[in-house]
Amino acid sequence: METMDRGAADRPPLVLVAEDATIVRLDLTRLLEQSGYEVIQARDGEEAVALAEERKPDLAILDVKMPNLDGIEAARRMLRGRLLPIVMLTAYADEDSVTRAIDAGVFAYLTKPFREQDLLPAIKTAQARYTEFLGVLDDYDSLSEALAAQKMIEKAKGLLMAKEGLTEGEAFTRLRTASQLSSQSLEVIAGAVVAAFTTAGVPD
């Protein structure tokens, strides 16, 4: 499984923006270019997959609802050959779409209509979760197994954040430290955290 090459320090990060609404796509492009990114644009999911294979972007922002191929399936096809951080752009975060996106390997969400100040945090979140996922991937034989483990880790992080007031980074550090001290995998530690909080009556 090929991972994103972050060694190209001589050029700005390349972002693939896939959005069929021209105004939204151009607005995203403008904001990203103002923040120092290079942008390539796609108007539907099929074009996004082709551009991802050809240009090998450092990050992708994909709209959920696009013609020909929706953003979630486009993300799934991109990640089969090359892992990279993906932000899903959506007008609504219904449970079915969220589940499909997580299963596909999407790392963060940006909800439309988005605010300028929400864009960079969503990108940073996707990049941080991508880095975490690379560590998880090393312990598994397949992408699907690693994604299942990552889902458990994300759930445990969410519970630690809600119950103990930790940031996402602090929650992950707590899990990683426990994993290192116990010589258990992150997935095992995360499962223990989820089980403990569930037993204690903390809602999902």
C-alpha atoms as a PDB file:
ATOM      1  CA  MET A   1       0.000   0.000   0.000  1.00  0.00           C
ATOM      2  CA  GLU A   2       1.516   3.280  -1.128  1.00  0.00           C
ATOM      3  CA  THR A   3       1.393   6.183   1.315  1.00  0.00           C
ATOM      4  CA  MET A   4       1.527   9.895   0.698  1.00  0.00           C
ATOM      5  CA  ASP A   5       5.012  11.190  -0.116  1.00  0.00           C
ATOM      6  CA  ARG A   6       5.601  14.211   2.074  1.00  0.00           C
ATOM      7  CA  GLY A   7       9.214  14.670   1.034  1.00  0.00           C
ATOM      8  CA  ALA A   8       8.542  17.263  -1.664  1.00  0.00           C
ATOM      9  CA  ALA A   9       9.623  20.256   0.422  1.00  0.00           C
ATOM     10  CA  ASP A  10      10.428  22.308  -2.685  1.00  0.00           C
ATOM     11  CA  ARG A  11       6.759  22.837  -3.555  1.00  0.00           C
ATOM     12  CA  PRO A  12       3.630  23.898  -1.649  1.00  0.00           C
ATOM     13  CA  PRO A  13       1.293  21.089  -0.541  1.00  0.00           C
ATOM     14  CA  LEU A  14      -0.983  19.957  -3.354  1.00  0.00           C
ATOM     15  CA  VAL A  15      -4.706  19.734  -2.536  1.00  0.00           C
ATOM     16  CA  LEU A  16      -7.317  18.063  -4.708  1.00  0.00           C
ATOM     17  CA  VAL A  17     -10.719  19.795  -4.437  1.00  0.00           C
ATOM     18  CA  ALA A  18     -13.640  17.803  -5.865  1.00  0.00           C
ATOM     19  CA  GLU A  19     -16.960  19.654  -5.862  1.00  0.00           C
ATOM     20  CA  ASP A  20     -19.586  19.864  -8.600  1.00  0.00           C
ATOM     21  CA  ALA A  21     -20.895  23.283  -7.470  1.00  0.00           C
ATOM     22  CA  THR A  22     -18.652  25.775  -9.251  1.00  0.00           C
ATOM     23  CA  ILE A  23     -19.024  28.588  -6.721  1.00  0.00           C
ATOM     24  CA  VAL A  24     -18.144  26.349  -3.769  1.00  0.00           C
ATOM     25  CA  ARG A  25     -15.211  24.790  -5.645  1.00  0.00           C
ATOM     26  CA  LEU A  26     -13.772  28.177  -6.578  1.00  0.00           C
ATOM     27  CA  ASP A  27     -14.288  29.525  -3.058  1.00  0.00           C
ATOM     28  CA  LEU A  28     -12.413  26.575  -1.580  1.00  0.00           C
ATOM     29  CA  THR A  29      -9.655  27.000  -4.133  1.00  0.00           C
ATOM     30  CA  ARG A  30      -9.290  30.693  -3.298  1.00  0.00           C
ATOM     31  CA  LEU A  31      -9.085  30.054   0.443  1.00  0.00           C
ATOM     32  CA  LEU A  32      -6.565  27.245   0.008  1.00  0.00           C
ATOM     33  CA  GLU A  33      -4.346  29.250  -2.334  1.00  0.00           C
ATOM     34  CA  GLN A  34      -4.413  32.175   0.094  1.00  0.00           C
ATOM     35  CA  SER A  35      -3.167  29.750   2.771  1.00  0.00           C
ATOM     36  CA  GLY A  36      -0.222  28.647   0.626  1.00  0.00           C
ATOM     37  CA  TYR A  37      -1.586  25.476  -0.978  1.00  0.00           C
ATOM     38  CA  GLU A  38      -1.469  24.507  -4.639  1.00  0.00           C
ATOM     39  CA  VAL A  39      -4.895  23.340  -5.816  1.00  0.00           C
ATOM     40  CA  ILE A  40      -6.172  21.033  -8.541  1.00  0.00           C
ATOM     41  CA  GLN A  41      -9.917  20.860  -9.195  1.00  0.00           C
ATOM     42  CA  ALA A  42     -12.340  18.095 -10.103  1.00  0.00           C
ATOM     43  CA  ARG A  43     -16.017  18.460 -10.972  1.00  0.00           C
ATOM     44  CA  ASP A  44     -17.141  14.924 -10.131  1.00  0.00           C
ATOM     45  CA  GLY A  45     -15.977  11.774  -8.379  1.00  0.00           C
ATOM     46  CA  GLU A  46     -14.615  10.017 -11.447  1.00  0.00           C
ATOM     47  CA  GLU A  47     -12.478  13.020 -12.378  1.00  0.00           C
ATOM     48  CA  ALA A  48     -11.269  13.214  -8.770  1.00  0.00           C
ATOM     49  CA  VAL A  49     -10.098   9.590  -8.782  1.00  0.00           C
ATOM     50  CA  ALA A  50      -8.291  10.075 -12.092  1.00  0.00           C
ATOM     51  CA  LEU A  51      -6.583  13.275 -10.915  1.00  0.00           C
ATOM     52  CA  ALA A  52      -5.558  11.664  -7.628  1.00  0.00           C
ATOM     53  CA  GLU A  53      -3.861   8.845  -9.511  1.00  0.00           C
ATOM     54  CA  GLU A  54      -2.176  11.190 -11.961  1.00  0.00           C
ATOM     55  CA  ARG A  55      -1.110  14.088  -9.719  1.00  0.00           C
ATOM     56  CA  LYS A  56      -0.721  12.342  -6.322  1.00  0.00           C
ATOM     57  CA  PRO A  57      -2.012  15.166  -4.091  1.00  0.00           C
ATOM     58  CA  ASP A  58      -0.987  15.611  -0.461  1.00  0.00           C
ATOM     59  CA  LEU A  59      -4.612  16.008   0.648  1.00  0.00           C
ATOM     60  CA  ALA A  60      -8.096  15.727  -0.869  1.00  0.00           C
ATOM     61  CA  ILE A  61     -11.300  17.603  -0.087  1.00  0.00           C
ATOM     62  CA  LEU A  62     -14.269  15.746  -1.572  1.00  0.00           C
ATOM     63  CA  ASP A  63     -17.939  16.680  -1.656  1.00  0.00           C
ATOM     64  CA  VAL A  64     -20.218  13.808  -0.636  1.00  0.00           C
ATOM     65  CA  LYS A  65     -22.842  14.392  -3.329  1.00  0.00           C
ATOM     66  CA  MET A  66     -21.296  14.499  -6.819  1.00  0.00           C
ATOM     67  CA  PRO A  67     -22.409  13.212 -10.236  1.00  0.00           C
ATOM     68  CA  ASN A  68     -21.035   9.987 -11.757  1.00  0.00           C
ATOM     69  CA  LEU A  69     -19.367   8.896  -8.489  1.00  0.00           C
ATOM     70  CA  ASP A  70     -20.074  10.221  -5.012  1.00  0.00           C
ATOM     71  CA  GLY A  71     -17.291  11.509  -2.764  1.00  0.00           C
ATOM     72  CA  ILE A  72     -17.322   8.554  -0.394  1.00  0.00           C
ATOM     73  CA  GLU A  73     -16.864   5.987  -3.156  1.00  0.00           C
ATOM     74  CA  ALA A  74     -14.247   8.243  -4.754  1.00  0.00           C
ATOM     75  CA  ALA A  75     -12.368   8.285  -1.442  1.00  0.00           C
ATOM     76  CA  ARG A  76     -12.564   4.505  -1.212  1.00  0.00           C
ATOM     77  CA  ARG A  77     -11.075   4.087  -4.703  1.00  0.00           C
ATOM     78  CA  MET A  78      -8.303   6.611  -4.054  1.00  0.00           C
ATOM     79  CA  LEU A  79      -7.265   4.882  -0.842  1.00  0.00           C
ATOM     80  CA  ARG A  80      -7.050   1.439  -2.441  1.00  0.00           C
ATOM     81  CA  GLY A  81      -3.814   2.412  -4.142  1.00  0.00           C
ATOM     82  CA  ARG A  82      -2.444   5.302  -2.125  1.00  0.00           C
ATOM     83  CA  LEU A  83      -3.187   6.572   1.363  1.00  0.00           C
ATOM     84  CA  LEU A  84      -3.622  10.300   1.925  1.00  0.00           C
ATOM     85  CA  PRO A  85      -5.589  12.569   4.286  1.00  0.00           C
ATOM     86  CA  ILE A  86      -9.144  13.164   3.083  1.00  0.00           C
ATOM     87  CA  VAL A  87     -11.628  15.789   4.257  1.00  0.00           C
ATOM     88  CA  MET A  88     -15.267  15.115   3.363  1.00  0.00           C
ATOM     89  CA  LEU A  89     -17.351  18.149   2.420  1.00  0.00           C
ATOM     90  CA  THR A  90     -21.026  17.646   3.228  1.00  0.00           C
ATOM     91  CA  ALA A  91     -24.220  19.636   3.582  1.00  0.00           C
ATOM     92  CA  TYR A  92     -25.417  17.265   6.285  1.00  0.00           C
ATOM     93  CA  ALA A  93     -23.731  14.632   8.421  1.00  0.00           C
ATOM     94  CA  ASP A  94     -26.377  11.901   8.504  1.00  0.00           C
ATOM     95  CA  GLU A  95     -25.433   8.703  10.304  1.00  0.00           C
ATOM     96  CA  ASP A  96     -25.375   6.554   7.161  1.00  0.00           C
ATOM     97  CA  SER A  97     -23.002   8.922   5.341  1.00  0.00           C
ATOM     98  CA  VAL A  98     -20.758   9.227   8.391  1.00  0.00           C
ATOM     99  CA  THR A  99     -20.552   5.435   8.729  1.00  0.00           C
ATOM    100  CA  ARG A 100     -19.790   4.974   5.016  1.00  0.00           C
ATOM    101  CA  ALA A 101     -17.132   7.694   5.111  1.00  0.00           C
ATOM    102  CA  ILE A 102     -15.423   6.236   8.179  1.00  0.00           C
ATOM    103  CA  ASP A 103     -15.455   2.784   6.596  1.00  0.00           C
ATOM    104  CA  ALA A 104     -13.884   4.282   3.463  1.00  0.00           C
ATOM    105  CA  GLY A 105     -11.082   5.908   5.458  1.00  0.00           C
ATOM    106  CA  VAL A 106     -12.120   9.587   5.539  1.00  0.00           C
ATOM    107  CA  PHE A 107     -10.298  11.483   8.294  1.00  0.00           C
ATOM    108  CA  ALA A 108     -12.330  14.695   8.837  1.00  0.00           C
ATOM    109  CA  TYR A 109     -15.497  16.584   7.896  1.00  0.00           C
ATOM    110  CA  LEU A 110     -16.254  20.103   6.722  1.00  0.00           C
ATOM    111  CA  THR A 111     -19.946  21.019   6.791  1.00  0.00           C
ATOM    112  CA  LYS A 112     -21.502  23.322   4.216  1.00  0.00           C
ATOM    113  CA  PRO A 113     -21.977  26.205   4.357  1.00  0.00           C
ATOM    114  CA  PHE A 114     -18.474  26.254   5.815  1.00  0.00           C
ATOM    115  CA  ARG A 115     -16.766  29.244   7.384  1.00  0.00           C
ATOM    116  CA  GLU A 116     -13.292  30.341   6.382  1.00  0.00           C
ATOM    117  CA  GLN A 117     -12.027  29.742   9.925  1.00  0.00           C
ATOM    118  CA  ASP A 118     -13.233  26.110   9.787  1.00  0.00           C
ATOM    119  CA  LEU A 119     -11.196  25.088   6.752  1.00  0.00           C
ATOM    120  CA  LEU A 120      -7.652  24.920   8.130  1.00  0.00           C
ATOM    121  CA  PRO A 121      -8.669  23.176  11.389  1.00  0.00           C
ATOM    122  CA  ALA A 122     -10.432  20.484   9.330  1.00  0.00           C
ATOM    123  CA  ILE A 123      -7.272  20.016   7.261  1.00  0.00           C
ATOM    124  CA  LYS A 124      -5.095  19.823  10.377  1.00  0.00           C
ATOM    125  CA  THR A 125      -7.465  17.271  11.907  1.00  0.00           C
ATOM    126  CA  ALA A 126      -7.316  15.105   8.772  1.00  0.00           C
ATOM    127  CA  GLN A 127      -3.524  15.301   8.684  1.00  0.00           C
ATOM    128  CA  ALA A 128      -3.201  14.399  12.375  1.00  0.00           C
ATOM    129  CA  ARG A 129      -5.573  11.439  12.061  1.00  0.00           C
ATOM    130  CA  TYR A 130      -3.778  10.299   8.903  1.00  0.00           C
ATOM    131  CA  THR A 131      -0.479  10.271  10.806  1.00  0.00           C
ATOM    132  CA  GLU A 132      -2.099   8.271  13.619  1.00  0.00           C
ATOM    133  CA  PHE A 133      -3.547   5.834  11.095  1.00  0.00           C
ATOM    134  CA  LEU A 134      -0.162   5.130   9.523  1.00  0.00           C
ATOM    135  CA  GLY A 135       0.988   3.869  12.923  1.00  0.00           C
ATOM    136  CA  VAL A 136      -2.066   1.626  13.190  1.00  0.00           C
ATOM    137  CA  LEU A 137      -1.660   0.329   9.638  1.00  0.00           C
ATOM    138  CA  ASP A 138       1.733  -1.177  10.414  1.00  0.00           C
ATOM    139  CA  ASP A 139       0.090  -3.659  12.785  1.00  0.00           C
ATOM    140  CA  TYR A 140      -2.389  -5.096  10.262  1.00  0.00           C
ATOM    141  CA  ASP A 141      -2.272  -7.136   7.086  1.00  0.00           C
ATOM    142  CA  SER A 142      -5.015  -5.251   5.263  1.00  0.00           C
ATOM    143  CA  LEU A 143      -6.428  -1.760   4.937  1.00  0.00           C
ATOM    144  CA  SER A 144      -9.890  -2.943   6.015  1.00  0.00           C
ATOM    145  CA  GLU A 145      -8.537  -4.401   9.272  1.00  0.00           C
ATOM    146  CA  ALA A 146      -6.622  -1.198   9.993  1.00  0.00           C
ATOM    147  CA  LEU A 147      -9.699   0.927   9.302  1.00  0.00           C
ATOM    148  CA  ALA A 148     -11.765  -1.205  11.701  1.00  0.00           C
ATOM    149  CA  ALA A 149      -9.108  -0.687  14.371  1.00  0.00           C
ATOM    150  CA  GLN A 150      -9.067   3.052  13.674  1.00  0.00           C
ATOM    151  CA  LYS A 151     -12.838   3.228  14.194  1.00  0.00           C
ATOM    152  CA  MET A 152     -12.418   1.768  17.683  1.00  0.00           C
ATOM    153  CA  ILE A 153      -9.571   4.170  18.441  1.00  0.00           C
ATOM    154  CA  GLU A 154     -11.649   7.162  17.315  1.00  0.00           C
ATOM    155  CA  LYS A 155     -14.535   6.026  19.519  1.00  0.00           C
ATOM    156  CA  ALA A 156     -12.223   5.681  22.529  1.00  0.00           C
ATOM    157  CA  LYS A 157     -10.737   9.116  21.873  1.00  0.00           C
ATOM    158  CA  GLY A 158     -14.219  10.611  21.721  1.00  0.00           C
ATOM    159  CA  LEU A 159     -15.137   9.080  25.072  1.00  0.00           C
ATOM    160  CA  LEU A 160     -11.926  10.309  26.705  1.00  0.00           C
ATOM    161  CA  MET A 161     -12.541  13.796  25.339  1.00  0.00           C
ATOM    162  CA  ALA A 162     -16.144  13.848  26.594  1.00  0.00           C
ATOM    163  CA  LYS A 163     -15.524  12.229  29.983  1.00  0.00           C
ATOM    164  CA  GLU A 164     -12.163  13.709  30.942  1.00  0.00           C
ATOM    165  CA  GLY A 165     -12.076  16.966  29.003  1.00  0.00           C
ATOM    166  CA  LEU A 166      -9.024  16.016  26.938  1.00  0.00           C
ATOM    167  CA  THR A 167      -8.149  17.411  23.544  1.00  0.00           C
ATOM    168  CA  GLU A 168      -8.034  14.936  20.660  1.00  0.00           C
ATOM    169  CA  GLY A 169      -4.237  14.934  20.755  1.00  0.00           C
ATOM    170  CA  GLU A 170      -4.172  14.341  24.512  1.00  0.00           C
ATOM    171  CA  ALA A 171      -6.677  11.499  24.192  1.00  0.00           C
ATOM    172  CA  PHE A 172      -4.545   9.781  21.559  1.00  0.00           C
ATOM    173  CA  THR A 173      -1.408  10.254  23.655  1.00  0.00           C
ATOM    174  CA  ARG A 174      -3.220   8.639  26.602  1.00  0.00           C
ATOM    175  CA  LEU A 175      -4.122   5.618  24.473  1.00  0.00           C
ATOM    176  CA  ARG A 176      -0.663   5.344  22.916  1.00  0.00           C
ATOM    177  CA  THR A 177       1.087   5.557  26.288  1.00  0.00           C
ATOM    178  CA  ALA A 178      -1.163   2.832  27.714  1.00  0.00           C
ATOM    179  CA  SER A 179      -0.436   0.702  24.653  1.00  0.00           C
ATOM    180  CA  GLN A 180       3.317   1.112  25.063  1.00  0.00           C
ATOM    181  CA  LEU A 181       3.286   0.413  28.809  1.00  0.00           C
ATOM    182  CA  SER A 182       1.110  -2.697  28.465  1.00  0.00           C
ATOM    183  CA  SER A 183       2.576  -4.005  25.187  1.00  0.00           C
ATOM    184  CA  GLN A 184      -1.004  -4.257  23.909  1.00  0.00           C
ATOM    185  CA  SER A 185      -2.136  -2.890  20.564  1.00  0.00           C
ATOM    186  CA  LEU A 186      -3.880   0.471  20.354  1.00  0.00           C
ATOM    187  CA  GLU A 187      -7.033  -1.325  19.249  1.00  0.00           C
ATOM    188  CA  VAL A 188      -7.028  -3.508  22.379  1.00  0.00           C
ATOM    189  CA  ILE A 189      -6.483  -0.495  24.639  1.00  0.00           C
ATOM    190  CA  ALA A 190      -9.184   1.471  22.833  1.00  0.00           C
ATOM    191  CA  GLY A 191     -11.618  -1.426  23.185  1.00  0.00           C
ATOM    192  CA  ALA A 192     -10.914  -1.588  26.924  1.00  0.00           C
ATOM    193  CA  VAL A 193     -11.586   2.152  27.258  1.00  0.00           C
ATOM    194  CA  VAL A 194     -14.858   1.881  25.352  1.00  0.00           C
ATOM    195  CA  ALA A 195     -15.939  -1.124  27.428  1.00  0.00           C
ATOM    196  CA  ALA A 196     -15.061   0.633  30.693  1.00  0.00           C
ATOM    197  CA  PHE A 197     -16.970   3.789  29.856  1.00  0.00           C
ATOM    198  CA  THR A 198     -19.930   1.844  28.480  1.00  0.00           C
ATOM    199  CA  THR A 199     -20.110  -0.171  31.696  1.00  0.00           C
ATOM    200  CA  ALA A 200     -19.956   3.068  33.659  1.00  0.00           C
ATOM    201  CA  GLY A 201     -22.960   4.373  31.753  1.00  0.00           C
ATOM    202  CA  VAL A 202     -21.242   6.886  29.509  1.00  0.00           C
ATOM    203  CA  PRO A 203     -23.340   7.250  26.336  1.00  0.00           C
ATOM    204  CA  ASP A 204     -21.879   6.408  22.935  1.00  0.00           C
END
